[in-house]
Amino acid sequence: MKHQEAVVDEDWEYRRLQLPPGVSRRAAATQLSINAEYGGWELSTVRLYSDGTRRVWLRRKRQPATGLPEVLV
């Protein structure tokens, strides 16, 4: 499974995964479930190519920026 860099939009961040042709449907579903459970990703788009390769786009809501000082009122 190849991970690509995340693409950041206004409200969402996207990550593309490429699953090789030999990966079964069940194994692909398991990998995507792990990403959803531990990374907070949800399925956005899946493309299945004639050679069996799957390109999957995952998305998740952007988290507020961290490392900024909090304002005390």
N, C-alpha and C. Protein backbone atom coordinates (compact mmCIF):
# COMPACT_ATOMS: atom_id res chain seq x y z
N MET A 1 0.86 -1.17 0.00
CA MET A 1 0.00 0.00 0.00
C MET A 1 0.90 1.23 0.00
N LYS A 2 0.67 2.11 -0.95
CA LYS A 2 1.42 3.35 -1.06
C LYS A 2 0.63 4.49 -0.46
N HIS A 3 1.28 5.27 0.40
CA HIS A 3 0.65 6.48 0.95
C HIS A 3 1.16 7.68 0.18
N GLN A 4 0.28 8.59 -0.11
CA GLN A 4 0.66 9.84 -0.73
C GLN A 4 0.51 10.94 0.31
N GLU A 5 1.11 12.09 0.03
CA GLU A 5 0.98 13.22 0.93
C GLU A 5 -0.48 13.65 1.04
N ALA A 6 -0.83 14.21 2.17
CA ALA A 6 -2.19 14.69 2.38
C ALA A 6 -2.38 16.01 1.65
N VAL A 7 -3.56 16.21 1.08
CA VAL A 7 -3.93 17.45 0.43
C VAL A 7 -4.92 18.14 1.35
N VAL A 8 -4.69 19.41 1.62
CA VAL A 8 -5.51 20.14 2.59
C VAL A 8 -6.42 21.11 1.85
N ASP A 9 -7.70 21.04 2.16
CA ASP A 9 -8.73 21.93 1.62
C ASP A 9 -9.16 22.84 2.78
N GLU A 10 -10.17 23.66 2.57
CA GLU A 10 -10.64 24.54 3.64
C GLU A 10 -11.09 23.76 4.87
N ASP A 11 -11.97 22.79 4.67
CA ASP A 11 -12.55 22.05 5.79
C ASP A 11 -12.05 20.62 5.91
N TRP A 12 -11.46 20.08 4.86
CA TRP A 12 -11.08 18.67 4.81
C TRP A 12 -9.61 18.51 4.46
N GLU A 13 -9.03 17.39 4.91
CA GLU A 13 -7.74 16.96 4.40
C GLU A 13 -7.95 15.62 3.71
N TYR A 14 -7.27 15.43 2.62
CA TYR A 14 -7.42 14.23 1.80
C TYR A 14 -6.10 13.49 1.71
N ARG A 15 -6.18 12.17 1.66
CA ARG A 15 -4.99 11.34 1.46
C ARG A 15 -5.32 10.28 0.42
N ARG A 16 -4.40 10.07 -0.51
CA ARG A 16 -4.60 9.06 -1.55
C ARG A 16 -3.79 7.83 -1.19
N LEU A 17 -4.42 6.68 -1.30
CA LEU A 17 -3.76 5.40 -1.13
C LEU A 17 -3.84 4.64 -2.44
N GLN A 18 -2.81 3.88 -2.72
CA GLN A 18 -2.85 3.02 -3.90
C GLN A 18 -2.65 1.59 -3.43
N LEU A 19 -3.62 0.75 -3.72
CA LEU A 19 -3.56 -0.65 -3.34
C LEU A 19 -3.18 -1.47 -4.57
N PRO A 20 -2.15 -2.32 -4.47
CA PRO A 20 -1.70 -3.09 -5.63
C PRO A 20 -2.71 -4.13 -6.07
N PRO A 21 -2.56 -4.66 -7.28
CA PRO A 21 -3.53 -5.60 -7.85
C PRO A 21 -3.76 -6.87 -7.03
N GLY A 22 -2.77 -7.35 -6.30
CA GLY A 22 -2.92 -8.62 -5.58
C GLY A 22 -3.71 -8.53 -4.28
N VAL A 23 -4.08 -7.35 -3.85
CA VAL A 23 -4.79 -7.17 -2.58
C VAL A 23 -6.26 -7.55 -2.76
N SER A 24 -6.73 -8.47 -1.92
CA SER A 24 -8.12 -8.90 -2.02
C SER A 24 -9.05 -7.79 -1.52
N ARG A 25 -10.30 -7.94 -1.86
CA ARG A 25 -11.29 -6.95 -1.43
C ARG A 25 -11.40 -6.91 0.09
N ARG A 26 -11.34 -8.07 0.71
CA ARG A 26 -11.43 -8.15 2.17
C ARG A 26 -10.21 -7.50 2.83
N ALA A 27 -9.02 -7.74 2.29
CA ALA A 27 -7.81 -7.13 2.85
C ALA A 27 -7.84 -5.61 2.68
N ALA A 28 -8.34 -5.14 1.54
CA ALA A 28 -8.45 -3.70 1.29
C ALA A 28 -9.42 -3.09 2.31
N ALA A 29 -10.54 -3.75 2.54
CA ALA A 29 -11.53 -3.25 3.51
C ALA A 29 -10.94 -3.20 4.91
N THR A 30 -10.13 -4.19 5.26
CA THR A 30 -9.49 -4.21 6.57
C THR A 30 -8.52 -3.05 6.72
N GLN A 31 -7.71 -2.80 5.70
CA GLN A 31 -6.75 -1.68 5.74
C GLN A 31 -7.47 -0.34 5.87
N LEU A 32 -8.57 -0.19 5.12
CA LEU A 32 -9.33 1.05 5.20
C LEU A 32 -10.00 1.22 6.56
N SER A 33 -10.45 0.11 7.15
CA SER A 33 -11.06 0.17 8.49
C SER A 33 -10.04 0.60 9.54
N ILE A 34 -8.82 0.12 9.41
CA ILE A 34 -7.76 0.51 10.35
C ILE A 34 -7.48 2.00 10.23
N ASN A 35 -7.42 2.51 8.99
CA ASN A 35 -7.22 3.96 8.79
C ASN A 35 -8.36 4.76 9.40
N ALA A 36 -9.57 4.25 9.26
CA ALA A 36 -10.73 4.95 9.81
C ALA A 36 -10.71 4.94 11.33
N GLU A 37 -10.40 3.79 11.92
CA GLU A 37 -10.44 3.64 13.37
C GLU A 37 -9.36 4.45 14.07
N TYR A 38 -8.13 4.37 13.57
CA TYR A 38 -7.01 4.99 14.29
C TYR A 38 -6.58 6.34 13.73
N GLY A 39 -6.97 6.65 12.49
CA GLY A 39 -6.55 7.92 11.91
C GLY A 39 -7.68 8.91 11.72
N GLY A 40 -8.91 8.45 11.93
CA GLY A 40 -10.05 9.34 11.77
C GLY A 40 -10.43 9.59 10.31
N TRP A 41 -9.95 8.75 9.39
CA TRP A 41 -10.22 8.92 7.96
C TRP A 41 -11.53 8.25 7.59
N GLU A 42 -12.21 8.79 6.59
CA GLU A 42 -13.40 8.15 6.01
C GLU A 42 -13.19 8.04 4.51
N LEU A 43 -13.90 7.12 3.91
CA LEU A 43 -13.77 6.85 2.48
C LEU A 43 -14.42 7.97 1.68
N SER A 44 -13.69 8.49 0.70
CA SER A 44 -14.22 9.53 -0.16
C SER A 44 -14.49 8.98 -1.56
N THR A 45 -13.48 8.37 -2.18
CA THR A 45 -13.61 7.85 -3.54
C THR A 45 -12.74 6.61 -3.71
N VAL A 46 -13.24 5.65 -4.50
CA VAL A 46 -12.44 4.47 -4.87
C VAL A 46 -12.50 4.32 -6.38
N ARG A 47 -11.34 4.08 -6.98
CA ARG A 47 -11.27 3.78 -8.41
C ARG A 47 -10.59 2.44 -8.57
N LEU A 48 -11.23 1.54 -9.30
CA LEU A 48 -10.68 0.23 -9.59
C LEU A 48 -10.27 0.23 -11.06
N TYR A 49 -8.99 -0.05 -11.31
CA TYR A 49 -8.47 -0.05 -12.68
C TYR A 49 -8.46 -1.47 -13.23
N SER A 50 -8.37 -1.58 -14.54
CA SER A 50 -8.47 -2.88 -15.22
C SER A 50 -7.34 -3.84 -14.81
N ASP A 51 -6.21 -3.33 -14.36
CA ASP A 51 -5.12 -4.22 -13.91
C ASP A 51 -5.31 -4.67 -12.46
N GLY A 52 -6.37 -4.21 -11.81
CA GLY A 52 -6.66 -4.61 -10.43
C GLY A 52 -6.19 -3.61 -9.39
N THR A 53 -5.48 -2.59 -9.80
CA THR A 53 -5.03 -1.55 -8.88
C THR A 53 -6.22 -0.73 -8.40
N ARG A 54 -6.22 -0.39 -7.11
CA ARG A 54 -7.25 0.49 -6.55
C ARG A 54 -6.59 1.78 -6.10
N ARG A 55 -7.18 2.89 -6.46
CA ARG A 55 -6.76 4.19 -5.93
C ARG A 55 -7.90 4.68 -5.06
N VAL A 56 -7.56 4.94 -3.83
CA VAL A 56 -8.54 5.29 -2.81
C VAL A 56 -8.22 6.68 -2.28
N TRP A 57 -9.24 7.53 -2.19
CA TRP A 57 -9.11 8.83 -1.54
C TRP A 57 -9.83 8.76 -0.21
N LEU A 58 -9.09 9.09 0.86
CA LEU A 58 -9.66 9.17 2.19
C LEU A 58 -9.75 10.64 2.58
N ARG A 59 -10.69 10.97 3.45
CA ARG A 59 -10.79 12.35 3.91
C ARG A 59 -11.11 12.36 5.39
N ARG A 60 -10.77 13.49 6.01
CA ARG A 60 -11.14 13.72 7.41
C ARG A 60 -11.21 15.22 7.63
N LYS A 61 -12.01 15.60 8.61
CA LYS A 61 -12.16 17.01 8.96
C LYS A 61 -10.80 17.54 9.43
N ARG A 62 -10.50 18.75 9.02
CA ARG A 62 -9.25 19.38 9.47
C ARG A 62 -9.32 19.65 10.95
N GLN A 63 -8.21 19.43 11.61
CA GLN A 63 -8.10 19.72 13.03
C GLN A 63 -7.63 21.16 13.19
N PRO A 64 -8.06 21.84 14.23
CA PRO A 64 -7.57 23.19 14.47
C PRO A 64 -6.05 23.17 14.64
N ALA A 65 -5.41 24.24 14.23
CA ALA A 65 -3.96 24.32 14.33
C ALA A 65 -3.53 24.21 15.79
N THR A 66 -2.46 23.46 16.01
CA THR A 66 -1.94 23.31 17.37
C THR A 66 -0.64 24.09 17.48
N GLY A 67 -0.21 24.31 18.66
CA GLY A 67 1.04 25.02 18.87
C GLY A 67 0.85 26.53 19.00
N LEU A 68 -0.34 27.02 18.82
CA LEU A 68 -0.61 28.44 18.98
C LEU A 68 -0.92 28.72 20.44
N PRO A 69 -0.49 29.83 20.95
CA PRO A 69 -0.79 30.12 22.35
C PRO A 69 -2.27 30.35 22.56
N GLU A 70 -2.78 29.85 23.68
CA GLU A 70 -4.20 30.04 23.99
C GLU A 70 -4.40 31.45 24.56
N VAL A 71 -5.52 32.02 24.25
CA VAL A 71 -5.85 33.35 24.75
C VAL A 71 -6.61 33.19 26.06
N LEU A 72 -6.10 33.81 27.09
CA LEU A 72 -6.79 33.76 28.39
C LEU A 72 -7.68 34.97 28.53
N VAL A 73 -8.88 34.76 28.96
CA VAL A 73 -9.84 35.86 29.11
C VAL A 73 -10.01 36.18 30.56
